[in-house]
Amino acid sequence: MATILGSGTAAHAHADEWDWPACGASKLRNCGTAYISSNHRTLTVCDEEPDGLGFWAEYKRSDGKTGTIKDGNGSAAGCGKGTAPSGVTVTKVRLYQNAGGGTGWYLGDWHTT
């Protein structure tokens, strides 16, 4: 598990998730989903479509650090996950579709957690 996440508050007391429903023949299936835990310290990223494209999430933390969580096994069982150190929270999340070879695209804007 990667260490991704510095200062949380009681105001951060809800979990959230972000889907990208644009895959499959009908373009209605989820390409992937990112989840933030209720304490805003654990970010989980799941690739849900066997299309050869990676599903990642970029994040920003309360201590100013940034990074990326990747679902490293594609759409196979299991997801990518990272947890911030004690006292640090994830403040923003942005979804990313990786096409390999240095190409890919952001899937929408930053989401505030």
C-alpha atoms as a PDB file:
ATOM      1  CA  MET A   1       0.000   0.000   0.000  1.00  0.00           C
ATOM      2  CA  ALA A   2       1.381   3.405  -0.960  1.00  0.00           C
ATOM      3  CA  THR A   3       1.557   6.259   1.517  1.00  0.00           C
ATOM      4  CA  ILE A   4      -0.290   9.132  -0.082  1.00  0.00           C
ATOM      5  CA  LEU A   5      -1.833  11.227   2.375  1.00  0.00           C
ATOM      6  CA  GLY A   6      -1.053  15.854   6.763  1.00  0.00           C
ATOM      7  CA  SER A   7      -4.065  17.768   8.897  1.00  0.00           C
ATOM      8  CA  GLY A   8      -7.611  16.442   9.055  1.00  0.00           C
ATOM      9  CA  THR A   9     -10.566  17.871  10.955  1.00  0.00           C
ATOM     10  CA  ALA A  10     -13.886  16.584  12.252  1.00  0.00           C
ATOM     11  CA  ALA A  11     -15.551  18.362   9.321  1.00  0.00           C
ATOM     12  CA  HIS A  12     -14.231  15.577   7.071  1.00  0.00           C
ATOM     13  CA  ALA A  13     -16.654  12.900   8.245  1.00  0.00           C
ATOM     14  CA  HIS A  14     -18.043  11.376   5.050  1.00  0.00           C
ATOM     15  CA  ALA A  15     -16.888   8.909   2.417  1.00  0.00           C
ATOM     16  CA  ASP A  16     -17.299   9.718  -1.272  1.00  0.00           C
ATOM     17  CA  GLU A  17     -16.826   8.135  -4.677  1.00  0.00           C
ATOM     18  CA  TRP A  18     -16.407   9.265  -8.267  1.00  0.00           C
ATOM     19  CA  ASP A  19     -17.292   7.117 -11.303  1.00  0.00           C
ATOM     20  CA  TRP A  20     -16.531   7.563 -14.971  1.00  0.00           C
ATOM     21  CA  PRO A  21     -19.453   5.906 -16.871  1.00  0.00           C
ATOM     22  CA  ALA A  22     -18.183   6.099 -20.464  1.00  0.00           C
ATOM     23  CA  CYS A  23     -17.008   2.568 -21.327  1.00  0.00           C
ATOM     24  CA  GLY A  24     -18.355  -0.476 -23.116  1.00  0.00           C
ATOM     25  CA  ALA A  25     -20.264  -0.642 -26.376  1.00  0.00           C
ATOM     26  CA  SER A  26     -23.106   1.456 -24.947  1.00  0.00           C
ATOM     27  CA  LYS A  27     -20.664   3.907 -23.297  1.00  0.00           C
ATOM     28  CA  LEU A  28     -22.720   3.521 -20.104  1.00  0.00           C
ATOM     29  CA  ARG A  29     -20.525   1.147 -18.060  1.00  0.00           C
ATOM     30  CA  ASN A  30     -18.052   2.504 -15.537  1.00  0.00           C
ATOM     31  CA  CYS A  31     -14.475   2.727 -16.770  1.00  0.00           C
ATOM     32  CA  GLY A  32     -13.476   2.948 -13.131  1.00  0.00           C
ATOM     33  CA  THR A  33     -14.214   4.361  -9.707  1.00  0.00           C
ATOM     34  CA  ALA A  34     -12.233   6.234  -7.053  1.00  0.00           C
ATOM     35  CA  TYR A  35     -13.275   6.071  -3.381  1.00  0.00           C
ATOM     36  CA  ILE A  36     -12.199   8.236  -0.436  1.00  0.00           C
ATOM     37  CA  SER A  37     -12.680   6.891   3.093  1.00  0.00           C
ATOM     38  CA  SER A  38     -14.792   8.722   5.673  1.00  0.00           C
ATOM     39  CA  ASN A  39     -11.661   9.986   7.449  1.00  0.00           C
ATOM     40  CA  HIS A  40     -10.313  11.235   4.072  1.00  0.00           C
ATOM     41  CA  ARG A  41      -7.024   9.374   4.520  1.00  0.00           C
ATOM     42  CA  THR A  42      -7.470   6.295   2.284  1.00  0.00           C
ATOM     43  CA  LEU A  43      -7.940   6.590  -1.476  1.00  0.00           C
ATOM     44  CA  THR A  44      -8.915   3.494  -3.483  1.00  0.00           C
ATOM     45  CA  VAL A  45      -8.930   3.312  -7.292  1.00  0.00           C
ATOM     46  CA  CYS A  46     -10.588   0.490  -9.275  1.00  0.00           C
ATOM     47  CA  ASP A  47     -10.319  -0.119 -13.031  1.00  0.00           C
ATOM     48  CA  GLU A  48     -13.647  -1.680 -14.040  1.00  0.00           C
ATOM     49  CA  GLU A  49     -13.322  -2.097 -17.807  1.00  0.00           C
ATOM     50  CA  PRO A  50     -11.071  -4.617 -19.651  1.00  0.00           C
ATOM     51  CA  ASP A  51     -10.242  -2.113 -22.391  1.00  0.00           C
ATOM     52  CA  GLY A  52      -6.456  -1.993 -22.077  1.00  0.00           C
ATOM     53  CA  LEU A  53      -6.582   1.507 -20.579  1.00  0.00           C
ATOM     54  CA  GLY A  54      -5.425   2.187 -17.029  1.00  0.00           C
ATOM     55  CA  PHE A  55      -7.633   3.923 -14.476  1.00  0.00           C
ATOM     56  CA  TRP A  56      -5.820   6.192 -12.013  1.00  0.00           C
ATOM     57  CA  ALA A  57      -6.585   8.983  -9.556  1.00  0.00           C
ATOM     58  CA  GLU A  58      -4.381  11.979  -8.868  1.00  0.00           C
ATOM     59  CA  TYR A  59      -4.666  13.530  -5.421  1.00  0.00           C
ATOM     60  CA  LYS A  60      -3.702  16.587  -3.400  1.00  0.00           C
ATOM     61  CA  ARG A  61      -3.124  16.372   0.350  1.00  0.00           C
ATOM     62  CA  SER A  62      -3.622  18.809   3.205  1.00  0.00           C
ATOM     63  CA  ASP A  63       0.170  19.079   3.600  1.00  0.00           C
ATOM     64  CA  GLY A  64       0.540  20.263  -0.022  1.00  0.00           C
ATOM     65  CA  LYS A  65       1.955  17.009  -1.394  1.00  0.00           C
ATOM     66  CA  THR A  66       0.511  15.412  -4.527  1.00  0.00           C
ATOM     67  CA  GLY A  67       0.620  11.986  -6.136  1.00  0.00           C
ATOM     68  CA  THR A  68      -1.142   9.287  -8.112  1.00  0.00           C
ATOM     69  CA  ILE A  69      -2.834   6.034  -7.117  1.00  0.00           C
ATOM     70  CA  LYS A  70      -3.014   3.427  -9.878  1.00  0.00           C
ATOM     71  CA  ASP A  71      -4.963   0.220 -10.233  1.00  0.00           C
ATOM     72  CA  GLY A  72      -1.909  -1.718 -11.327  1.00  0.00           C
ATOM     73  CA  ASN A  73      -3.627  -4.932 -12.448  1.00  0.00           C
ATOM     74  CA  GLY A  74      -6.137  -3.427 -14.855  1.00  0.00           C
ATOM     75  CA  SER A  75      -9.681  -4.706 -14.539  1.00  0.00           C
ATOM     76  CA  ALA A  76      -8.624  -7.907 -12.716  1.00  0.00           C
ATOM     77  CA  ALA A  77      -9.814  -8.390  -9.129  1.00  0.00           C
ATOM     78  CA  GLY A  78      -8.288  -5.939  -6.672  1.00  0.00           C
ATOM     79  CA  CYS A  79      -7.780  -2.198  -6.716  1.00  0.00           C
ATOM     80  CA  GLY A  80      -5.027   0.329  -6.066  1.00  0.00           C
ATOM     81  CA  LYS A  81      -4.998   1.875  -2.598  1.00  0.00           C
ATOM     82  CA  GLY A  82      -2.999   4.408  -0.615  1.00  0.00           C
ATOM     83  CA  THR A  83      -3.313   5.856   2.895  1.00  0.00           C
ATOM     84  CA  ALA A  84      -2.088   9.211   4.153  1.00  0.00           C
ATOM     85  CA  PRO A  85      -0.001   9.445   7.305  1.00  0.00           C
ATOM     86  CA  SER A  86      -1.704  10.323  10.578  1.00  0.00           C
ATOM     87  CA  GLY A  87      -2.807  13.965  10.659  1.00  0.00           C
ATOM     88  CA  VAL A  88      -2.873  14.293   6.840  1.00  0.00           C
ATOM     89  CA  THR A  89      -5.956  14.087   4.590  1.00  0.00           C
ATOM     90  CA  VAL A  90      -6.657  13.924   0.879  1.00  0.00           C
ATOM     91  CA  THR A  91      -8.258  17.240  -0.111  1.00  0.00           C
ATOM     92  CA  LYS A  92      -8.785  16.819  -3.875  1.00  0.00           C
ATOM     93  CA  VAL A  93      -9.092  13.937  -6.341  1.00  0.00           C
ATOM     94  CA  ARG A  94      -9.011  13.922 -10.153  1.00  0.00           C
ATOM     95  CA  LEU A  95      -9.617  10.848 -12.332  1.00  0.00           C
ATOM     96  CA  TYR A  96      -7.205   9.919 -15.126  1.00  0.00           C
ATOM     97  CA  GLN A  97      -7.414   7.395 -17.984  1.00  0.00           C
ATOM     98  CA  ASN A  98      -3.978   6.096 -18.990  1.00  0.00           C
ATOM     99  CA  ALA A  99      -3.577   4.833 -22.543  1.00  0.00           C
ATOM    100  CA  GLY A 100       0.089   3.865 -22.119  1.00  0.00           C
ATOM    101  CA  GLY A 101       3.146   5.175 -23.891  1.00  0.00           C
ATOM    102  CA  GLY A 102       2.878   8.511 -22.105  1.00  0.00           C
ATOM    103  CA  THR A 103      -0.622   9.226 -23.409  1.00  0.00           C
ATOM    104  CA  GLY A 104      -3.874   9.598 -21.529  1.00  0.00           C
ATOM    105  CA  TRP A 105      -6.393  12.191 -20.425  1.00  0.00           C
ATOM    106  CA  TYR A 106      -7.991  13.705 -17.344  1.00  0.00           C
ATOM    107  CA  LEU A 107     -11.584  12.661 -16.786  1.00  0.00           C
ATOM    108  CA  GLY A 108     -13.122  15.894 -15.554  1.00  0.00           C
ATOM    109  CA  ASP A 109     -12.082  18.453 -12.991  1.00  0.00           C
ATOM    110  CA  TRP A 110     -10.742  18.153  -9.463  1.00  0.00           C
ATOM    111  CA  HIS A 111     -13.231  16.892  -6.858  1.00  0.00           C
ATOM    112  CA  THR A 112     -12.960  18.372  -3.363  1.00  0.00           C
ATOM    113  CA  THR A 113     -13.217  15.725  -0.652  1.00  0.00           C
END
